[in-house]
Amino acid sequence: MKRGDVIGGYRVVSEPTNNGGGKCVWAFAEKDGKEYFLKRFLEPKRPGVYSGIGEASKKLLLEECSAFEDRHRTIMKLLKPDASGAGNIVLAVDFFHERSTYYKITERIDTSTLETPQALAPRQKAVLLRTLGLSLRLLHDIHIVHGDLKPANVLVQKKASVQTFYTAKLIDFDDSYISGKPPERGVIAGDSLFGAPEWRRYMQGDSDVEPEYLTTKTDIFALGLMTHYYLVGALPGHSASFGSPADAVNAGRQLRIDDRLTDEMHDLVLAMTSRIPGGRPSIAMFLAALADHEVCALSRKRRAHGGPSEAGGDSLSGAAGRDARPSRVRTNLGRTSAHRRADAAPHPASAAGSASPSPEPVPDTGAAAADSDAPPRGTSRVRINLGYGPR
């Protein structure tokens, strides 16, 4: 693919790049006077008639390609642009292959740059988080898991009518799947920094983690991390000896929540980043918590620092110096039958069993010493898509 090429009727108008594209190459394109974002997948590759591979290998490749096509087309069919609440979701308008290569097309979106969301006023933060939550609710209501939720896949845009407010546009559904039916372990992708504990163990080959454990609650874990980032400018803290928040949680450690958050928001983020999927609130509960924008305010006065957690061993100091206590969100939101079934199932929760938009956030790890019993950092197959390139 090069500038000037016509692929599927779309003329490439920029130099292709894989900058921030993971396992794809992207460029801007035009068709019938409209601008588009064109993505060329580097894998899987459809085997040709004269590919020179054996029939058994060819059959396996065709099966992988068939599953890849079915997953993408299913998501495109379910996510309709005229659906209520779809205004802040950037949907694919075309998906096809030429020869051995797959391509996906979305409309090009112009967005503003918001490098310091934590500097916004509480009402502005609430609007930004609420628009993101509404988009996610649309997905979850039809049992779709985004699968790669992170700030890089959220385009921030100023509202045309009210210039002081920002809204979030959700993009990149390449890793989306039906809740409880994720891609196979060797195929599933995402970002290890925002991945949920059960996703992390599933992709690392933990046989205790069944595919049905990967539900919409994996998005809730990522949303909890993102909420913390949008409010204070950093991810929740954890020991530097862990490669990601999920690794720390899988080891039984509680993430360090910034103590400037309101009590309600502290408990909400803590519940959203629970180790057990069934213990995380639904997206409806998240939206209900944002009804009062003051929940997004930060305290100017830091609370007294708590001591080390007996269960986790990490010192709750620095950015999260609040005494360890049960989350009121987890207590007061109630236990649905789905939650009870999730808790009863052998979820991947046992530590003994195993492990822009805006600039990419960095977890706060400085407040804790390295843990000698931390699991080694796993090598994750990460697919990072930075959206629509420089603006």
Protein backbone atom coordinates (compact mmCIF):
# COMPACT_ATOMS: atom_id res chain seq x y z
CA MET A 1 0.00 0.00 0.00
CA LYS A 2 1.35 3.42 -0.99
CA ARG A 3 0.10 6.93 -1.55
CA GLY A 4 -1.98 7.14 -4.71
CA ASP A 5 -3.09 3.50 -4.63
CA VAL A 6 -6.80 2.75 -5.05
CA ILE A 7 -7.92 -0.05 -2.74
CA GLY A 8 -11.52 -1.17 -2.82
CA GLY A 9 -12.46 2.13 -4.44
CA TYR A 10 -10.67 4.23 -1.79
CA ARG A 11 -7.74 6.38 -2.96
CA VAL A 12 -4.87 6.58 -0.45
CA VAL A 13 -4.04 10.28 0.07
CA SER A 14 -1.36 10.11 2.77
CA GLU A 15 1.80 8.15 3.35
CA PRO A 16 0.90 4.85 5.04
CA THR A 17 2.37 4.29 8.49
CA ASN A 18 2.11 1.86 11.36
CA ASN A 19 2.84 4.58 13.92
CA GLY A 20 0.76 3.54 16.91
CA GLY A 21 -0.99 0.98 14.72
CA GLY A 22 0.27 -2.26 16.22
CA LYS A 23 -0.30 -5.05 13.72
CA CYS A 24 -1.73 -2.83 11.00
CA VAL A 25 -0.75 -0.05 8.60
CA TRP A 26 -3.04 2.95 8.26
CA ALA A 27 -3.48 5.98 6.03
CA PHE A 28 -6.08 8.57 5.09
CA ALA A 29 -8.13 7.94 2.00
CA GLU A 30 -10.84 9.53 -0.15
CA LYS A 31 -13.86 8.23 -2.00
CA ASP A 32 -16.64 10.21 -3.70
CA GLY A 33 -15.38 13.44 -2.12
CA LYS A 34 -15.44 12.10 1.46
CA GLU A 35 -12.45 11.54 3.74
CA TYR A 36 -11.83 8.20 5.42
CA PHE A 37 -9.42 6.37 7.67
CA LEU A 38 -8.12 3.20 5.99
CA LYS A 39 -6.56 0.38 7.97
CA ARG A 40 -4.63 -2.49 6.40
CA PHE A 41 -4.34 -5.54 8.65
CA LEU A 42 -0.99 -7.30 8.66
CA GLU A 43 -2.60 -10.54 9.83
CA PRO A 44 -4.28 -12.85 9.25
CA LYS A 45 -3.41 -13.42 5.58
CA ARG A 46 -5.71 -15.36 3.29
CA PRO A 47 -3.82 -18.18 1.60
CA GLY A 48 -3.77 -17.92 -2.16
CA VAL A 49 -4.30 -20.66 -4.73
CA TYR A 50 -0.57 -20.83 -5.34
CA SER A 51 0.56 -20.09 -1.80
CA GLY A 52 2.87 -23.10 -1.71
CA ILE A 53 1.66 -24.37 1.65
CA GLY A 54 0.24 -27.79 2.47
CA GLU A 55 -3.47 -28.49 2.50
CA ALA A 56 -3.55 -28.95 6.27
CA SER A 57 -1.88 -25.58 6.88
CA LYS A 58 -4.10 -23.94 4.29
CA LYS A 59 -7.19 -25.30 6.02
CA LEU A 60 -6.09 -23.88 9.37
CA LEU A 61 -5.40 -20.47 7.83
CA LEU A 62 -8.78 -20.41 6.15
CA GLU A 63 -10.47 -21.29 9.45
CA GLU A 64 -8.62 -18.44 11.20
CA CYS A 65 -9.59 -16.03 8.42
CA SER A 66 -13.21 -17.17 8.57
CA ALA A 67 -13.34 -16.54 12.32
CA PHE A 68 -11.68 -13.14 11.81
CA GLU A 69 -14.23 -12.14 9.17
CA ASP A 70 -17.20 -13.40 11.19
CA ARG A 71 -16.13 -11.49 14.30
CA HIS A 72 -15.68 -8.19 12.44
CA ARG A 73 -18.86 -8.49 10.43
CA THR A 74 -20.89 -9.51 13.49
CA ILE A 75 -19.76 -6.42 15.40
CA MET A 76 -20.48 -4.19 12.38
CA LYS A 77 -23.96 -5.68 12.05
CA LEU A 78 -24.79 -5.20 15.74
CA LEU A 79 -23.38 -1.67 16.01
CA LYS A 80 -25.76 0.35 13.85
CA PRO A 81 -25.15 4.07 13.27
CA ASP A 82 -28.84 4.91 13.80
CA ALA A 83 -28.96 3.28 17.23
CA SER A 84 -29.82 5.51 20.18
CA GLY A 85 -26.57 6.78 21.71
CA ALA A 86 -24.40 5.86 18.72
CA GLY A 87 -23.48 9.48 17.99
CA ASN A 88 -20.21 9.21 19.90
CA ILE A 89 -19.15 5.86 18.45
CA VAL A 90 -16.94 5.92 15.35
CA LEU A 91 -18.14 2.91 13.40
CA ALA A 92 -16.61 1.05 10.48
CA VAL A 93 -18.31 1.70 7.16
CA ASP A 94 -16.57 -1.00 5.14
CA PHE A 95 -14.63 -4.21 5.66
CA PHE A 96 -13.20 -6.26 2.81
CA HIS A 97 -10.17 -8.09 1.51
CA GLU A 98 -8.13 -7.72 -1.65
CA ARG A 99 -6.09 -10.75 -2.55
CA SER A 100 -4.68 -11.97 0.77
CA THR A 101 -5.06 -8.76 2.80
CA TYR A 102 -7.93 -7.41 4.93
CA TYR A 103 -8.92 -3.74 5.10
CA LYS A 104 -11.30 -1.73 7.28
CA ILE A 105 -12.68 1.74 6.59
CA THR A 106 -14.04 4.34 9.04
CA GLU A 107 -14.92 7.98 8.58
CA ARG A 108 -12.19 10.47 9.38
CA ILE A 109 -12.96 12.43 12.55
CA ASP A 110 -11.42 15.80 13.42
CA THR A 111 -10.77 16.14 17.14
CA SER A 112 -9.12 18.53 19.53
CA THR A 113 -6.12 17.64 21.66
CA LEU A 114 -6.67 17.28 25.40
CA GLU A 115 -3.33 16.49 26.98
CA THR A 116 -4.31 17.28 30.57
CA PRO A 117 -7.87 16.08 31.23
CA GLN A 118 -7.16 16.25 34.95
CA ALA A 119 -7.07 20.07 34.63
CA LEU A 120 -10.75 20.22 33.66
CA ALA A 121 -13.41 21.40 36.09
CA PRO A 122 -15.51 18.71 37.82
CA ARG A 123 -18.51 19.34 35.55
CA GLN A 124 -16.32 19.02 32.44
CA LYS A 125 -14.82 15.77 33.71
CA ALA A 126 -18.29 14.42 34.44
CA VAL A 127 -19.47 15.24 30.89
CA LEU A 128 -16.39 13.61 29.38
CA LEU A 129 -16.79 10.45 31.46
CA ARG A 130 -20.54 10.33 30.95
CA THR A 131 -20.30 10.47 27.14
CA LEU A 132 -17.73 7.68 27.28
CA GLY A 133 -19.98 5.70 29.61
CA LEU A 134 -23.03 6.16 27.37
CA SER A 135 -21.12 4.77 24.39
CA LEU A 136 -19.99 1.82 26.44
CA ARG A 137 -23.55 1.25 27.67
CA LEU A 138 -24.69 0.94 24.07
CA LEU A 139 -22.11 -1.80 23.53
CA HIS A 140 -22.87 -3.64 26.75
CA ASP A 141 -26.64 -3.53 26.20
CA ILE A 142 -26.11 -5.65 23.08
CA HIS A 143 -23.48 -7.81 24.82
CA ILE A 144 -20.43 -6.43 22.98
CA VAL A 145 -17.07 -6.14 24.73
CA HIS A 146 -14.91 -3.35 23.34
CA GLY A 147 -11.80 -5.35 24.13
CA ASP A 148 -9.21 -2.56 23.89
CA LEU A 149 -10.55 0.27 26.02
CA LYS A 150 -7.86 2.89 26.76
CA PRO A 151 -7.33 6.66 26.35
CA ALA A 152 -5.69 6.14 22.95
CA ASN A 153 -8.99 4.74 21.67
CA VAL A 154 -11.03 7.68 22.91
CA LEU A 155 -11.07 10.78 20.71
CA VAL A 156 -11.79 13.95 22.66
CA GLN A 157 -13.90 16.57 20.89
CA LYS A 158 -15.16 20.00 21.93
CA LYS A 159 -18.91 20.35 21.85
CA ALA A 160 -19.82 22.77 19.07
CA SER A 161 -22.59 24.50 21.00
CA VAL A 162 -20.77 24.77 24.33
CA GLN A 163 -17.07 25.33 23.80
CA THR A 164 -16.13 24.70 27.42
CA PHE A 165 -17.24 21.06 27.36
CA TYR A 166 -15.57 18.03 25.86
CA THR A 167 -17.12 14.78 24.72
CA ALA A 168 -15.54 11.37 24.18
CA LYS A 169 -15.79 9.48 20.89
CA LEU A 170 -15.09 5.77 21.18
CA ILE A 171 -13.10 4.22 18.32
CA ASP A 172 -11.33 1.02 17.25
CA PHE A 173 -13.51 -2.06 17.56
CA ASP A 174 -10.96 -4.36 15.93
CA ASP A 175 -10.60 -6.38 19.14
CA SER A 176 -14.30 -6.39 20.06
CA TYR A 177 -16.18 -9.62 20.62
CA ILE A 178 -19.45 -10.97 21.97
CA SER A 179 -19.48 -11.16 25.77
CA GLY A 180 -18.32 -14.59 26.92
CA LYS A 181 -17.09 -15.53 23.43
CA PRO A 182 -13.62 -14.02 23.04
CA PRO A 183 -11.13 -14.94 20.30
CA GLU A 184 -8.87 -17.89 21.01
CA ARG A 185 -5.94 -17.42 23.39
CA GLY A 186 -3.40 -17.14 20.59
CA VAL A 187 -5.52 -14.62 18.70
CA ILE A 188 -6.99 -12.30 21.33
CA ALA A 189 -5.31 -8.92 21.54
CA GLY A 190 -5.51 -5.73 23.58
CA ASP A 191 -3.32 -3.58 25.82
CA SER A 192 -1.75 -5.21 28.88
CA LEU A 193 -1.70 -1.87 30.73
CA PHE A 194 -5.50 -1.66 30.71
CA GLY A 195 -6.40 -5.34 30.47
CA ALA A 196 -8.52 -6.92 33.19
CA PRO A 197 -7.10 -9.63 35.47
CA GLU A 198 -9.10 -12.43 33.82
CA TRP A 199 -8.11 -11.24 30.32
CA ARG A 200 -4.46 -11.12 31.36
CA ARG A 201 -4.50 -14.71 32.60
CA TYR A 202 -6.54 -15.94 29.63
CA MET A 203 -4.06 -14.59 27.10
CA GLN A 204 -1.15 -15.96 29.17
CA GLY A 205 -2.59 -19.45 28.74
CA ASP A 206 -4.04 -20.02 32.22
CA SER A 207 -6.25 -23.07 31.76
CA ASP A 208 -8.33 -22.12 34.82
CA VAL A 209 -9.71 -19.14 32.91
CA GLU A 210 -12.56 -20.23 30.69
CA PRO A 211 -13.57 -18.10 27.67
CA GLU A 212 -16.95 -17.32 29.24
CA TYR A 213 -15.19 -15.42 32.04
CA LEU A 214 -14.29 -12.66 29.56
CA THR A 215 -17.44 -10.56 29.60
CA THR A 216 -18.38 -6.88 29.48
CA LYS A 217 -16.91 -6.66 32.99
CA THR A 218 -13.43 -6.66 31.41
CA ASP A 219 -14.30 -3.25 29.95
CA ILE A 220 -15.40 -2.05 33.41
CA PHE A 221 -11.92 -2.77 34.80
CA ALA A 222 -10.33 -0.70 32.03
CA LEU A 223 -12.90 2.07 32.52
CA GLY A 224 -12.03 2.21 36.22
CA LEU A 225 -8.37 2.77 35.35
CA MET A 226 -9.29 5.39 32.75
CA THR A 227 -11.60 7.21 35.15
CA HIS A 228 -8.74 7.54 37.63
CA TYR A 229 -6.47 8.78 34.82
CA TYR A 230 -8.95 11.38 33.56
CA LEU A 231 -9.53 12.69 37.08
CA VAL A 232 -5.97 12.91 38.42
CA GLY A 233 -3.68 12.42 35.41
CA ALA A 234 -2.27 9.02 36.42
CA LEU A 235 -3.34 5.42 36.74
CA PRO A 236 -3.93 3.89 40.18
CA GLY A 237 -0.66 2.97 41.83
CA HIS A 238 0.84 -0.47 42.29
CA SER A 239 4.21 -1.97 43.09
CA ALA A 240 6.81 -1.47 40.35
CA SER A 241 7.52 -5.20 40.50
CA PHE A 242 4.27 -5.86 38.61
CA GLY A 243 4.02 -5.27 34.90
CA SER A 244 0.46 -3.97 34.94
CA PRO A 245 -2.42 -3.14 37.29
CA ALA A 246 -4.02 -6.49 36.42
CA ASP A 247 -0.88 -8.38 37.41
CA ALA A 248 -0.90 -6.65 40.81
CA VAL A 249 -4.60 -7.41 41.31
CA ASN A 250 -4.11 -11.03 40.27
CA ALA A 251 -1.45 -11.30 42.98
CA GLY A 252 -3.99 -10.18 45.58
CA ARG A 253 -2.78 -6.59 45.85
CA GLN A 254 -5.18 -3.66 46.06
CA LEU A 255 -4.45 -0.79 43.70
CA ARG A 256 -3.58 2.54 45.35
CA ILE A 257 -6.34 5.03 44.64
CA ASP A 258 -5.46 8.74 44.77
CA ASP A 259 -6.64 10.09 48.11
CA ARG A 260 -7.78 13.40 46.57
CA LEU A 261 -10.80 11.65 45.06
CA THR A 262 -14.14 12.03 46.79
CA ASP A 263 -15.20 9.11 48.96
CA GLU A 264 -17.83 8.13 46.40
CA MET A 265 -15.40 8.15 43.48
CA HIS A 266 -12.71 6.35 45.50
CA ASP A 267 -15.11 3.52 46.24
CA LEU A 268 -16.41 3.44 42.67
CA VAL A 269 -12.92 3.11 41.13
CA LEU A 270 -11.96 0.52 43.74
CA ALA A 271 -15.03 -1.55 42.91
CA MET A 272 -14.46 -1.20 39.15
CA THR A 273 -10.94 -2.59 39.52
CA SER A 274 -12.02 -5.56 41.62
CA ARG A 275 -10.22 -8.85 40.99
CA ILE A 276 -13.53 -10.70 40.65
CA PRO A 277 -15.54 -9.68 37.54
CA GLY A 278 -18.85 -10.17 39.35
CA GLY A 279 -17.75 -7.67 42.00
CA ARG A 280 -17.50 -4.82 39.48
CA PRO A 281 -20.46 -2.48 39.01
CA SER A 282 -22.35 -2.35 35.72
CA ILE A 283 -22.02 0.53 33.28
CA ALA A 284 -25.49 1.70 34.40
CA MET A 285 -24.18 2.01 37.97
CA PHE A 286 -21.17 3.98 36.70
CA LEU A 287 -23.45 6.43 34.89
CA ALA A 288 -25.69 6.79 37.92
CA ALA A 289 -22.69 7.76 40.04
CA LEU A 290 -21.93 10.63 37.63
CA ALA A 291 -25.37 12.22 38.07
CA ASP A 292 -23.79 14.67 40.51
CA HIS A 293 -20.73 16.21 38.85
CA GLU A 294 -19.21 17.03 42.25
CA VAL A 295 -18.28 13.33 42.50
CA CYS A 296 -15.48 14.24 40.05
CA ALA A 297 -14.05 16.99 42.28
CA LEU A 298 -10.64 16.69 43.90
CA SER A 299 -9.90 17.50 47.52
CA ARG A 300 -7.27 20.16 48.17
CA LYS A 301 -6.47 18.63 51.54
CA ARG A 302 -4.94 15.16 51.60
CA ARG A 303 -6.36 12.62 54.00
CA ALA A 304 -4.32 10.82 56.60
CA HIS A 305 -2.20 8.05 55.15
CA GLY A 306 -3.04 4.47 55.99
CA GLY A 307 -0.63 1.68 56.79
CA PRO A 308 0.31 -1.41 54.84
CA SER A 309 -2.44 -3.75 53.77
CA GLU A 310 -2.29 -7.08 55.55
CA ALA A 311 -3.69 -8.94 52.56
CA GLY A 312 -1.64 -7.25 49.87
CA GLY A 313 1.54 -6.12 51.58
CA ASP A 314 1.74 -2.88 49.56
CA SER A 315 2.00 0.32 51.56
CA LEU A 316 -1.00 2.54 50.89
CA SER A 317 1.11 5.66 50.83
CA GLY A 318 1.85 8.41 48.36
CA ALA A 319 -0.99 8.89 45.91
CA ALA A 320 -3.35 6.57 47.72
CA GLY A 321 -2.90 7.06 51.40
CA ARG A 322 -6.38 6.10 52.49
CA ASP A 323 -6.95 3.39 55.07
CA ALA A 324 -7.94 0.11 53.46
CA ARG A 325 -11.66 -0.47 53.93
CA PRO A 326 -14.51 -2.22 52.13
CA SER A 327 -15.88 -0.28 49.19
CA ARG A 328 -19.25 1.29 49.90
CA VAL A 329 -20.01 1.01 46.20
CA ARG A 330 -19.53 -2.73 46.38
CA THR A 331 -21.74 -2.91 49.47
CA ASN A 332 -24.57 -0.56 48.52
CA LEU A 333 -24.96 -1.39 44.83
CA GLY A 334 -26.48 -4.74 45.72
CA ARG A 335 -25.76 -8.23 44.48
CA THR A 336 -27.56 -9.31 41.37
CA SER A 337 -28.12 -12.92 40.45
CA ALA A 338 -25.51 -12.47 37.72
CA HIS A 339 -23.02 -11.32 40.33
CA ARG A 340 -23.78 -14.28 42.53
CA ARG A 341 -23.30 -16.68 39.62
CA ALA A 342 -20.04 -14.95 38.73
CA ASP A 343 -18.74 -15.21 42.28
CA ALA A 344 -19.75 -18.86 42.53
CA ALA A 345 -17.92 -19.80 39.33
CA PRO A 346 -14.18 -20.61 39.54
CA HIS A 347 -13.12 -17.17 38.35
CA PRO A 348 -9.42 -16.51 37.70
CA ALA A 349 -9.10 -14.75 41.02
CA SER A 350 -6.68 -16.86 43.03
CA ALA A 351 -3.27 -15.30 43.42
CA ALA A 352 -1.79 -18.64 44.37
CA GLY A 353 -3.06 -20.17 41.14
CA SER A 354 -0.75 -18.12 38.89
CA ALA A 355 -0.26 -13.32 37.10
CA SER A 356 -4.91 11.32 21.75
CA PRO A 357 -6.13 11.73 22.39
CA SER A 358 -4.04 12.14 25.56
CA PRO A 359 -0.47 10.90 26.19
CA GLU A 360 -0.37 7.26 27.26
CA PRO A 361 -0.78 7.24 31.06
CA VAL A 362 1.89 5.83 33.33
CA PRO A 363 0.95 3.98 36.53
CA ASP A 364 2.08 5.45 39.84
CA THR A 365 4.63 2.92 41.08
CA GLY A 366 7.03 5.10 43.00
CA ALA A 367 5.38 4.75 46.38
CA ALA A 368 5.89 1.03 46.75
CA ALA A 369 8.99 -1.11 46.97
CA ALA A 370 9.47 -4.10 44.70
CA ASP A 371 7.85 -7.29 45.93
CA SER A 372 10.03 -10.38 45.94
CA ASP A 373 6.99 -12.64 45.49
CA ALA A 374 5.63 -10.83 42.44
CA PRO A 375 5.07 -12.94 39.36
CA PRO A 376 7.43 -12.38 36.42
CA ARG A 377 6.22 -10.00 33.78
CA GLY A 378 4.53 -11.87 30.97
CA THR A 379 5.01 -11.05 27.33
CA SER A 380 1.68 -9.86 26.02
CA ARG A 381 0.53 -9.66 22.46
CA VAL A 382 -0.42 -6.01 22.50
CA ARG A 383 -2.28 -4.29 19.69
CA ILE A 384 -2.25 -0.54 20.14
CA ASN A 385 -4.22 1.70 17.80
CA LEU A 386 -3.77 5.42 18.34
CA GLY A 387 -6.85 6.38 16.42
CA TYR A 388 -6.67 8.76 13.51
CA GLY A 389 -3.10 9.98 13.45
CA PRO A 390 -1.70 13.45 14.06
CA ARG A 391 -4.19 16.29 13.99
